[in-house]
Amino acid sequence: MYNDDDDLSFEEQLQLTESQIRRRHQQRIFMRRNAELLQQELELEAELLEENPELNQVIHELNTLEIQTGQQGLKDAIQGESSPKHRNVWDSFFPGLK
């Protein structure tokens, strides 16, 4: 197998290695920050749902309807239904959100 690194000088290989280390470090920083933001979002969502039990119930009902609709759509697809009648439940509450 041909390796492009064979044509590089030691200094060029070293620079390439340093570049890869920097890139890997930047990726780790990005992933860590992304994880922190996701954790903050989940905490905020949990707080919001805790403070608004009715909102929690509505979201649960909508998710349940969405799952049931998806299951029905899958059954129709398996049975050969050519024109899917599946409509996203969330579209009823937030039309034009797509």
PDB file of N, CA and C in Angstrom:
ATOM      1  N   MET A   1       0.837  -1.177   0.000  1.00  0.00           N
ATOM      2  CA  MET A   1       0.000   0.000   0.000  1.00  0.00           C
ATOM      3  C   MET A   1       0.883   1.242   0.000  1.00  0.00           C
ATOM      4  N   TYR A   2       0.561   2.208  -0.810  1.00  0.00           N
ATOM      5  CA  TYR A   2       1.329   3.429  -0.925  1.00  0.00           C
ATOM      6  C   TYR A   2       0.923   4.391   0.178  1.00  0.00           C
ATOM      7  N   ASN A   3       1.894   4.959   0.839  1.00  0.00           N
ATOM      8  CA  ASN A   3       1.636   5.893   1.919  1.00  0.00           C
ATOM      9  C   ASN A   3       2.237   7.234   1.560  1.00  0.00           C
ATOM     10  N   ASP A   4       1.413   8.284   1.510  1.00  0.00           N
ATOM     11  CA  ASP A   4       1.883   9.622   1.153  1.00  0.00           C
ATOM     12  C   ASP A   4       2.912  10.144   2.147  1.00  0.00           C
ATOM     13  N   ASP A   5       2.838   9.675   3.394  1.00  0.00           N
ATOM     14  CA  ASP A   5       3.768  10.151   4.412  1.00  0.00           C
ATOM     15  C   ASP A   5       5.209   9.770   4.085  1.00  0.00           C
ATOM     16  N   ASP A   6       5.409   8.742   3.254  1.00  0.00           N
ATOM     17  CA  ASP A   6       6.765   8.312   2.909  1.00  0.00           C
ATOM     18  C   ASP A   6       7.528   9.386   2.145  1.00  0.00           C
ATOM     19  N   ASP A   7       6.831  10.238   1.429  1.00  0.00           N
ATOM     20  CA  ASP A   7       7.464  11.282   0.637  1.00  0.00           C
ATOM     21  C   ASP A   7       7.723  12.555   1.440  1.00  0.00           C
ATOM     22  N   LEU A   8       7.276  12.593   2.661  1.00  0.00           N
ATOM     23  CA  LEU A   8       7.427  13.795   3.472  1.00  0.00           C
ATOM     24  C   LEU A   8       8.718  13.728   4.288  1.00  0.00           C
ATOM     25  N   SER A   9       9.295  14.901   4.483  1.00  0.00           N
ATOM     26  CA  SER A   9      10.470  14.971   5.353  1.00  0.00           C
ATOM     27  C   SER A   9      10.027  14.793   6.801  1.00  0.00           C
ATOM     28  N   PHE A  10      10.992  14.595   7.685  1.00  0.00           N
ATOM     29  CA  PHE A  10      10.689  14.437   9.103  1.00  0.00           C
ATOM     30  C   PHE A  10       9.943  15.663   9.634  1.00  0.00           C
ATOM     31  N   GLU A  11      10.408  16.855   9.239  1.00  0.00           N
ATOM     32  CA  GLU A  11       9.775  18.093   9.697  1.00  0.00           C
ATOM     33  C   GLU A  11       8.335  18.181   9.197  1.00  0.00           C
ATOM     34  N   GLU A  12       8.116  17.773   7.935  1.00  0.00           N
ATOM     35  CA  GLU A  12       6.757  17.807   7.386  1.00  0.00           C
ATOM     36  C   GLU A  12       5.847  16.803   8.112  1.00  0.00           C
ATOM     37  N   GLN A  13       6.401  15.625   8.410  1.00  0.00           N
ATOM     38  CA  GLN A  13       5.629  14.633   9.158  1.00  0.00           C
ATOM     39  C   GLN A  13       5.300  15.141  10.558  1.00  0.00           C
ATOM     40  N   LEU A  14       6.268  15.818  11.164  1.00  0.00           N
ATOM     41  CA  LEU A  14       6.063  16.371  12.496  1.00  0.00           C
ATOM     42  C   LEU A  14       4.975  17.441  12.469  1.00  0.00           C
ATOM     43  N   GLN A  15       5.014  18.299  11.457  1.00  0.00           N
ATOM     44  CA  GLN A  15       3.985  19.338  11.332  1.00  0.00           C
ATOM     45  C   GLN A  15       2.612  18.708  11.112  1.00  0.00           C
ATOM     46  N   LEU A  16       2.573  17.666  10.303  1.00  0.00           N
ATOM     47  CA  LEU A  16       1.319  16.972  10.053  1.00  0.00           C
ATOM     48  C   LEU A  16       0.791  16.374  11.354  1.00  0.00           C
ATOM     49  N   THR A  17       1.666  15.767  12.119  1.00  0.00           N
ATOM     50  CA  THR A  17       1.275  15.175  13.398  1.00  0.00           C
ATOM     51  C   THR A  17       0.758  16.252  14.346  1.00  0.00           C
ATOM     52  N   GLU A  18       1.453  17.382  14.404  1.00  0.00           N
ATOM     53  CA  GLU A  18       1.007  18.484  15.254  1.00  0.00           C
ATOM     54  C   GLU A  18      -0.368  18.976  14.814  1.00  0.00           C
ATOM     55  N   SER A  19      -0.561  19.066  13.519  1.00  0.00           N
ATOM     56  CA  SER A  19      -1.847  19.497  12.978  1.00  0.00           C
ATOM     57  C   SER A  19      -2.952  18.512  13.370  1.00  0.00           C
ATOM     58  N   GLN A  20      -2.646  17.230  13.295  1.00  0.00           N
ATOM     59  CA  GLN A  20      -3.639  16.221  13.676  1.00  0.00           C
ATOM     60  C   GLN A  20      -3.958  16.302  15.165  1.00  0.00           C
ATOM     61  N   ILE A  21      -2.940  16.551  15.984  1.00  0.00           N
ATOM     62  CA  ILE A  21      -3.149  16.688  17.427  1.00  0.00           C
ATOM     63  C   ILE A  21      -4.024  17.901  17.717  1.00  0.00           C
ATOM     64  N   ARG A  22      -3.724  19.019  17.053  1.00  0.00           N
ATOM     65  CA  ARG A  22      -4.541  20.228  17.240  1.00  0.00           C
ATOM     66  C   ARG A  22      -5.989  19.983  16.830  1.00  0.00           C
ATOM     67  N   ARG A  23      -6.152  19.343  15.678  1.00  0.00           N
ATOM     68  CA  ARG A  23      -7.500  19.059  15.176  1.00  0.00           C
ATOM     69  C   ARG A  23      -8.254  18.153  16.160  1.00  0.00           C
ATOM     70  N   ARG A  24      -7.591  17.127  16.661  1.00  0.00           N
ATOM     71  CA  ARG A  24      -8.211  16.212  17.628  1.00  0.00           C
ATOM     72  C   ARG A  24      -8.574  16.965  18.916  1.00  0.00           C
ATOM     73  N   HIS A  25      -7.682  17.851  19.346  1.00  0.00           N
ATOM     74  CA  HIS A  25      -7.937  18.652  20.549  1.00  0.00           C
ATOM     75  C   HIS A  25      -9.156  19.551  20.332  1.00  0.00           C
ATOM     76  N   GLN A  26      -9.231  20.201  19.186  1.00  0.00           N
ATOM     77  CA  GLN A  26     -10.373  21.063  18.866  1.00  0.00           C
ATOM     78  C   GLN A  26     -11.674  20.262  18.817  1.00  0.00           C
ATOM     79  N   GLN A  27     -11.605  19.057  18.270  1.00  0.00           N
ATOM     80  CA  GLN A  27     -12.789  18.197  18.227  1.00  0.00           C
ATOM     81  C   GLN A  27     -13.247  17.838  19.633  1.00  0.00           C
ATOM     82  N   ARG A  28     -12.290  17.542  20.506  1.00  0.00           N
ATOM     83  CA  ARG A  28     -12.636  17.214  21.894  1.00  0.00           C
ATOM     84  C   ARG A  28     -13.276  18.409  22.594  1.00  0.00           C
ATOM     85  N   ILE A  29     -12.718  19.594  22.387  1.00  0.00           N
ATOM     86  CA  ILE A  29     -13.285  20.805  22.990  1.00  0.00           C
ATOM     87  C   ILE A  29     -14.711  21.008  22.476  1.00  0.00           C
ATOM     88  N   PHE A  30     -14.901  20.839  21.169  1.00  0.00           N
ATOM     89  CA  PHE A  30     -16.225  20.998  20.570  1.00  0.00           C
ATOM     90  C   PHE A  30     -17.207  19.988  21.158  1.00  0.00           C
ATOM     91  N   MET A  31     -16.792  18.726  21.261  1.00  0.00           N
ATOM     92  CA  MET A  31     -17.679  17.693  21.785  1.00  0.00           C
ATOM     93  C   MET A  31     -18.001  17.940  23.259  1.00  0.00           C
ATOM     94  N   ARG A  32     -17.014  18.391  24.021  1.00  0.00           N
ATOM     95  CA  ARG A  32     -17.245  18.690  25.437  1.00  0.00           C
ATOM     96  C   ARG A  32     -18.244  19.833  25.576  1.00  0.00           C
ATOM     97  N   ARG A  33     -18.054  20.884  24.785  1.00  0.00           N
ATOM     98  CA  ARG A  33     -18.968  22.038  24.840  1.00  0.00           C
ATOM     99  C   ARG A  33     -20.362  21.626  24.383  1.00  0.00           C
ATOM    100  N   ASN A  34     -20.418  20.811  23.354  1.00  0.00           N
ATOM    101  CA  ASN A  34     -21.704  20.332  22.860  1.00  0.00           C
ATOM    102  C   ASN A  34     -22.422  19.521  23.939  1.00  0.00           C
ATOM    103  N   ALA A  35     -21.685  18.678  24.644  1.00  0.00           N
ATOM    104  CA  ALA A  35     -22.260  17.871  25.726  1.00  0.00           C
ATOM    105  C   ALA A  35     -22.757  18.773  26.859  1.00  0.00           C
ATOM    106  N   GLU A  36     -21.998  19.820  27.180  1.00  0.00           N
ATOM    107  CA  GLU A  36     -22.420  20.760  28.220  1.00  0.00           C
ATOM    108  C   GLU A  36     -23.714  21.468  27.823  1.00  0.00           C
ATOM    109  N   LEU A  37     -23.790  21.896  26.581  1.00  0.00           N
ATOM    110  CA  LEU A  37     -25.000  22.574  26.112  1.00  0.00           C
ATOM    111  C   LEU A  37     -26.198  21.633  26.118  1.00  0.00           C
ATOM    112  N   LEU A  38     -25.980  20.400  25.720  1.00  0.00           N
ATOM    113  CA  LEU A  38     -27.053  19.414  25.733  1.00  0.00           C
ATOM    114  C   LEU A  38     -27.531  19.168  27.164  1.00  0.00           C
ATOM    115  N   GLN A  39     -26.594  19.072  28.091  1.00  0.00           N
ATOM    116  CA  GLN A  39     -26.953  18.875  29.496  1.00  0.00           C
ATOM    117  C   GLN A  39     -27.764  20.064  30.010  1.00  0.00           C
ATOM    118  N   GLN A  40     -27.348  21.279  29.664  1.00  0.00           N
ATOM    119  CA  GLN A  40     -28.096  22.473  30.069  1.00  0.00           C
ATOM    120  C   GLN A  40     -29.509  22.459  29.487  1.00  0.00           C
ATOM    121  N   GLU A  41     -29.602  22.045  28.232  1.00  0.00           N
ATOM    122  CA  GLU A  41     -30.911  21.980  27.575  1.00  0.00           C
ATOM    123  C   GLU A  41     -31.816  20.963  28.272  1.00  0.00           C
ATOM    124  N   LEU A  42     -31.265  19.806  28.608  1.00  0.00           N
ATOM    125  CA  LEU A  42     -32.050  18.779  29.288  1.00  0.00           C
ATOM    126  C   LEU A  42     -32.494  19.244  30.675  1.00  0.00           C
ATOM    127  N   GLU A  43     -31.608  19.934  31.396  1.00  0.00           N
ATOM    128  CA  GLU A  43     -31.959  20.458  32.714  1.00  0.00           C
ATOM    129  C   GLU A  43     -33.051  21.510  32.617  1.00  0.00           C
ATOM    130  N   LEU A  44     -32.949  22.380  31.629  1.00  0.00           N
ATOM    131  CA  LEU A  44     -33.962  23.410  31.425  1.00  0.00           C
ATOM    132  C   LEU A  44     -35.305  22.781  31.052  1.00  0.00           C
ATOM    133  N   GLU A  45     -35.248  21.787  30.174  1.00  0.00           N
ATOM    134  CA  GLU A  45     -36.470  21.090  29.779  1.00  0.00           C
ATOM    135  C   GLU A  45     -37.114  20.408  30.985  1.00  0.00           C
ATOM    136  N   ALA A  46     -36.323  19.740  31.809  1.00  0.00           N
ATOM    137  CA  ALA A  46     -36.849  19.064  32.997  1.00  0.00           C
ATOM    138  C   ALA A  46     -37.482  20.073  33.955  1.00  0.00           C
ATOM    139  N   GLU A  47     -36.817  21.217  34.119  1.00  0.00           N
ATOM    140  CA  GLU A  47     -37.344  22.268  34.998  1.00  0.00           C
ATOM    141  C   GLU A  47     -38.659  22.811  34.460  1.00  0.00           C
ATOM    142  N   LEU A  48     -38.703  23.044  33.165  1.00  0.00           N
ATOM    143  CA  LEU A  48     -39.910  23.567  32.520  1.00  0.00           C
ATOM    144  C   LEU A  48     -41.074  22.594  32.669  1.00  0.00           C
ATOM    145  N   LEU A  49     -40.808  21.317  32.453  1.00  0.00           N
ATOM    146  CA  LEU A  49     -41.859  20.310  32.558  1.00  0.00           C
ATOM    147  C   LEU A  49     -42.304  20.116  34.003  1.00  0.00           C
ATOM    148  N   GLU A  50     -41.367  20.253  34.937  1.00  0.00           N
ATOM    149  CA  GLU A  50     -41.710  20.124  36.352  1.00  0.00           C
ATOM    150  C   GLU A  50     -42.612  21.266  36.799  1.00  0.00           C
ATOM    151  N   GLU A  51     -42.341  22.457  36.271  1.00  0.00           N
ATOM    152  CA  GLU A  51     -43.130  23.631  36.648  1.00  0.00           C
ATOM    153  C   GLU A  51     -44.481  23.672  35.934  1.00  0.00           C
ATOM    154  N   ASN A  52     -44.618  22.922  34.849  1.00  0.00           N
ATOM    155  CA  ASN A  52     -45.845  22.942  34.046  1.00  0.00           C
ATOM    156  C   ASN A  52     -46.328  21.520  33.778  1.00  0.00           C
ATOM    157  N   PRO A  53     -46.959  20.884  34.752  1.00  0.00           N
ATOM    158  CA  PRO A  53     -47.386  19.497  34.560  1.00  0.00           C
ATOM    159  C   PRO A  53     -48.378  19.331  33.405  1.00  0.00           C
ATOM    160  N   GLU A  54     -49.185  20.372  33.158  1.00  0.00           N
ATOM    161  CA  GLU A  54     -50.132  20.269  32.035  1.00  0.00           C
ATOM    162  C   GLU A  54     -49.395  20.226  30.700  1.00  0.00           C
ATOM    163  N   LEU A  55     -48.312  20.968  30.584  1.00  0.00           N
ATOM    164  CA  LEU A  55     -47.495  20.926  29.372  1.00  0.00           C
ATOM    165  C   LEU A  55     -46.877  19.541  29.210  1.00  0.00           C
ATOM    166  N   ASN A  56     -46.415  18.997  30.316  1.00  0.00           N
ATOM    167  CA  ASN A  56     -45.846  17.655  30.315  1.00  0.00           C
ATOM    168  C   ASN A  56     -46.870  16.641  29.812  1.00  0.00           C
ATOM    169  N   GLN A  57     -48.112  16.765  30.276  1.00  0.00           N
ATOM    170  CA  GLN A  57     -49.179  15.843  29.859  1.00  0.00           C
ATOM    171  C   GLN A  57     -49.486  16.004  28.372  1.00  0.00           C
ATOM    172  N   VAL A  58     -49.563  17.229  27.885  1.00  0.00           N
ATOM    173  CA  VAL A  58     -49.855  17.477  26.469  1.00  0.00           C
ATOM    174  C   VAL A  58     -48.751  16.890  25.588  1.00  0.00           C
ATOM    175  N   ILE A  59     -47.501  17.105  25.976  1.00  0.00           N
ATOM    176  CA  ILE A  59     -46.385  16.567  25.198  1.00  0.00           C
ATOM    177  C   ILE A  59     -46.429  15.044  25.203  1.00  0.00           C
ATOM    178  N   HIS A  60     -46.727  14.456  26.343  1.00  0.00           N
ATOM    179  CA  HIS A  60     -46.833  12.995  26.427  1.00  0.00           C
ATOM    180  C   HIS A  60     -47.935  12.482  25.493  1.00  0.00           C
ATOM    181  N   GLU A  61     -49.086  13.138  25.510  1.00  0.00           N
ATOM    182  CA  GLU A  61     -50.199  12.721  24.650  1.00  0.00           C
ATOM    183  C   GLU A  61     -49.848  12.870  23.170  1.00  0.00           C
ATOM    184  N   LEU A  62     -49.202  13.964  22.823  1.00  0.00           N
ATOM    185  CA  LEU A  62     -48.794  14.172  21.431  1.00  0.00           C
ATOM    186  C   LEU A  62     -47.781  13.117  20.985  1.00  0.00           C
ATOM    187  N   ASN A  63     -46.827  12.824  21.852  1.00  0.00           N
ATOM    188  CA  ASN A  63     -45.835  11.793  21.514  1.00  0.00           C
ATOM    189  C   ASN A  63     -46.497  10.431  21.360  1.00  0.00           C
ATOM    190  N   THR A  64     -47.459  10.136  22.226  1.00  0.00           N
ATOM    191  CA  THR A  64     -48.186   8.867  22.124  1.00  0.00           C
ATOM    192  C   THR A  64     -48.944   8.798  20.802  1.00  0.00           C
ATOM    193  N   LEU A  65     -49.623   9.882  20.447  1.00  0.00           N
ATOM    194  CA  LEU A  65     -50.340   9.922  19.158  1.00  0.00           C
ATOM    195  C   LEU A  65     -49.380   9.755  17.987  1.00  0.00           C
ATOM    196  N   GLU A  66     -48.239  10.401  18.073  1.00  0.00           N
ATOM    197  CA  GLU A  66     -47.236  10.307  17.004  1.00  0.00           C
ATOM    198  C   GLU A  66     -46.757   8.869  16.841  1.00  0.00           C
ATOM    199  N   ILE A  67     -46.514   8.189  17.953  1.00  0.00           N
ATOM    200  CA  ILE A  67     -46.071   6.797  17.899  1.00  0.00           C
ATOM    201  C   ILE A  67     -47.159   5.921  17.296  1.00  0.00           C
ATOM    202  N   GLN A  68     -48.408   6.123  17.726  1.00  0.00           N
ATOM    203  CA  GLN A  68     -49.519   5.333  17.201  1.00  0.00           C
ATOM    204  C   GLN A  68     -49.703   5.578  15.706  1.00  0.00           C
ATOM    205  N   THR A  69     -49.581   6.827  15.288  1.00  0.00           N
ATOM    206  CA  THR A  69     -49.711   7.168  13.877  1.00  0.00           C
ATOM    207  C   THR A  69     -48.599   6.509  13.066  1.00  0.00           C
ATOM    208  N   GLY A  70     -47.376   6.544  13.606  1.00  0.00           N
ATOM    209  CA  GLY A  70     -46.250   5.898  12.924  1.00  0.00           C
ATOM    210  C   GLY A  70     -46.445   4.401  12.824  1.00  0.00           C
ATOM    211  N   GLN A  71     -46.957   3.795  13.888  1.00  0.00           N
ATOM    212  CA  GLN A  71     -47.209   2.357  13.863  1.00  0.00           C
ATOM    213  C   GLN A  71     -48.274   2.016  12.838  1.00  0.00           C
ATOM    214  N   GLN A  72     -49.312   2.840  12.762  1.00  0.00           N
ATOM    215  CA  GLN A  72     -50.368   2.601  11.772  1.00  0.00           C
ATOM    216  C   GLN A  72     -49.814   2.768  10.364  1.00  0.00           C
ATOM    217  N   GLY A  73     -48.963   3.774  10.178  1.00  0.00           N
ATOM    218  CA  GLY A  73     -48.349   3.978   8.867  1.00  0.00           C
ATOM    219  C   GLY A  73     -47.489   2.804   8.470  1.00  0.00           C
ATOM    220  N   LEU A  74     -46.772   2.244   9.431  1.00  0.00           N
ATOM    221  CA  LEU A  74     -45.946   1.068   9.161  1.00  0.00           C
ATOM    222  C   LEU A  74     -46.809  -0.126   8.796  1.00  0.00           C
ATOM    223  N   LYS A  75     -47.908  -0.312   9.530  1.00  0.00           N
ATOM    224  CA  LYS A  75     -48.828  -1.415   9.210  1.00  0.00           C
ATOM    225  C   LYS A  75     -49.383  -1.252   7.800  1.00  0.00           C
ATOM    226  N   ASP A  76     -49.780  -0.022   7.455  1.00  0.00           N
ATOM    227  CA  ASP A  76     -50.307   0.248   6.110  1.00  0.00           C
ATOM    228  C   ASP A  76     -49.254  -0.042   5.047  1.00  0.00           C
ATOM    229  N   ALA A  77     -48.004   0.335   5.315  1.00  0.00           N
ATOM    230  CA  ALA A  77     -46.931   0.103   4.347  1.00  0.00           C
ATOM    231  C   ALA A  77     -46.687  -1.386   4.158  1.00  0.00           C
ATOM    232  N   ILE A  78     -46.723  -2.119   5.264  1.00  0.00           N
ATOM    233  CA  ILE A  78     -46.519  -3.569   5.185  1.00  0.00           C
ATOM    234  C   ILE A  78     -47.666  -4.229   4.431  1.00  0.00           C
ATOM    235  N   GLN A  79     -48.879  -3.716   4.615  1.00  0.00           N
ATOM    236  CA  GLN A  79     -50.052  -4.280   3.949  1.00  0.00           C
ATOM    237  C   GLN A  79     -50.181  -3.782   2.517  1.00  0.00           C
ATOM    238  N   GLY A  80     -49.289  -2.913   2.088  1.00  0.00           N
ATOM    239  CA  GLY A  80     -49.273  -2.462   0.697  1.00  0.00           C
ATOM    240  C   GLY A  80     -50.100  -1.239   0.413  1.00  0.00           C
ATOM    241  N   GLU A  81     -50.401  -0.470   1.399  1.00  0.00           N
ATOM    242  CA  GLU A  81     -51.140   0.778   1.210  1.00  0.00           C
ATOM    243  C   GLU A  81     -50.284   1.705   0.353  1.00  0.00           C
ATOM    244  N   SER A  82     -50.777   2.066  -0.825  1.00  0.00           N
ATOM    245  CA  SER A  82     -49.943   2.832  -1.755  1.00  0.00           C
ATOM    246  C   SER A  82     -49.903   4.321  -1.442  1.00  0.00           C
ATOM    247  N   SER A  83     -50.998   4.879  -0.959  1.00  0.00           N
ATOM    248  CA  SER A  83     -50.984   6.307  -0.635  1.00  0.00           C
ATOM    249  C   SER A  83     -51.013   6.470   0.879  1.00  0.00           C
ATOM    250  N   PRO A  84     -49.878   6.816   1.462  1.00  0.00           N
ATOM    251  CA  PRO A  84     -49.834   6.927   2.917  1.00  0.00           C
ATOM    252  C   PRO A  84     -50.741   8.042   3.424  1.00  0.00           C
ATOM    253  N   LYS A  85     -51.502   7.723   4.450  1.00  0.00           N
ATOM    254  CA  LYS A  85     -52.411   8.701   5.045  1.00  0.00           C
ATOM    255  C   LYS A  85     -51.787   9.307   6.298  1.00  0.00           C
ATOM    256  N   HIS A  86     -50.561   8.902   6.579  1.00  0.00           N
ATOM    257  CA  HIS A  86     -49.866   9.370   7.779  1.00  0.00           C
ATOM    258  C   HIS A  86     -49.683  10.873   7.723  1.00  0.00           C
ATOM    259  N   ARG A  87     -50.083  11.503   8.794  1.00  0.00           N
ATOM    260  CA  ARG A  87     -49.873  12.939   8.919  1.00  0.00           C
ATOM    261  C   ARG A  87     -49.264  13.184  10.283  1.00  0.00           C
ATOM    262  N   ASN A  88     -48.229  13.939  10.313  1.00  0.00           N
ATOM    263  CA  ASN A  88     -47.536  14.228  11.559  1.00  0.00           C
ATOM    264  C   ASN A  88     -48.491  14.898  12.535  1.00  0.00           C
ATOM    265  N   VAL A  89     -48.611  14.322  13.732  1.00  0.00           N
ATOM    266  CA  VAL A  89     -49.509  14.865  14.758  1.00  0.00           C
ATOM    267  C   VAL A  89     -49.121  16.288  15.123  1.00  0.00           C
ATOM    268  N   TRP A  90     -47.822  16.557  15.180  1.00  0.00           N
ATOM    269  CA  TRP A  90     -47.350  17.884  15.550  1.00  0.00           C
ATOM    270  C   TRP A  90     -47.779  18.944  14.543  1.00  0.00           C
ATOM    271  N   ASP A  91     -47.988  18.544  13.267  1.00  0.00           N
ATOM    272  CA  ASP A  91     -48.424  19.494  12.241  1.00  0.00           C
ATOM    273  C   ASP A  91     -49.789  20.096  12.576  1.00  0.00           C
ATOM    274  N   SER A  92     -50.614  19.331  13.293  1.00  0.00           N
ATOM    275  CA  SER A  92     -51.933  19.841  13.673  1.00  0.00           C
ATOM    276  C   SER A  92     -51.812  21.013  14.641  1.00  0.00           C
ATOM    277  N   PHE A  93     -50.809  20.966  15.487  1.00  0.00           N
ATOM    278  CA  PHE A  93     -50.651  22.003  16.500  1.00  0.00           C
ATOM    279  C   PHE A  93     -49.716  23.127  16.059  1.00  0.00           C
ATOM    280  N   PHE A  94     -48.775  22.790  15.187  1.00  0.00           N
ATOM    281  CA  PHE A  94     -47.804  23.787  14.713  1.00  0.00           C
ATOM    282  C   PHE A  94     -47.710  23.747  13.194  1.00  0.00           C
ATOM    283  N   PRO A  95     -48.774  24.156  12.491  1.00  0.00           N
ATOM    284  CA  PRO A  95     -48.741  24.098  11.031  1.00  0.00           C
ATOM    285  C   PRO A  95     -47.674  25.026  10.464  1.00  0.00           C
ATOM    286  N   GLY A  96     -47.028  24.550   9.413  1.00  0.00           N
ATOM    287  CA  GLY A  96     -46.008  25.348   8.758  1.00  0.00           C
ATOM    288  C   GLY A  96     -44.688  25.402   9.493  1.00  0.00           C
ATOM    289  N   LEU A  97     -44.505  24.546  10.494  1.00  0.00           N
ATOM    290  CA  LEU A  97     -43.277  24.566  11.296  1.00  0.00           C
ATOM    291  C   LEU A  97     -42.104  23.963  10.553  1.00  0.00           C
ATOM    292  N   LYS A  98     -42.359  23.144   9.563  1.00  0.00           N
ATOM    293  CA  LYS A  98     -41.295  22.435   8.849  1.00  0.00           C
ATOM    294  C   LYS A  98     -40.319  23.364   8.290  1.00  0.00           C
TER     295      LYS A  98
END
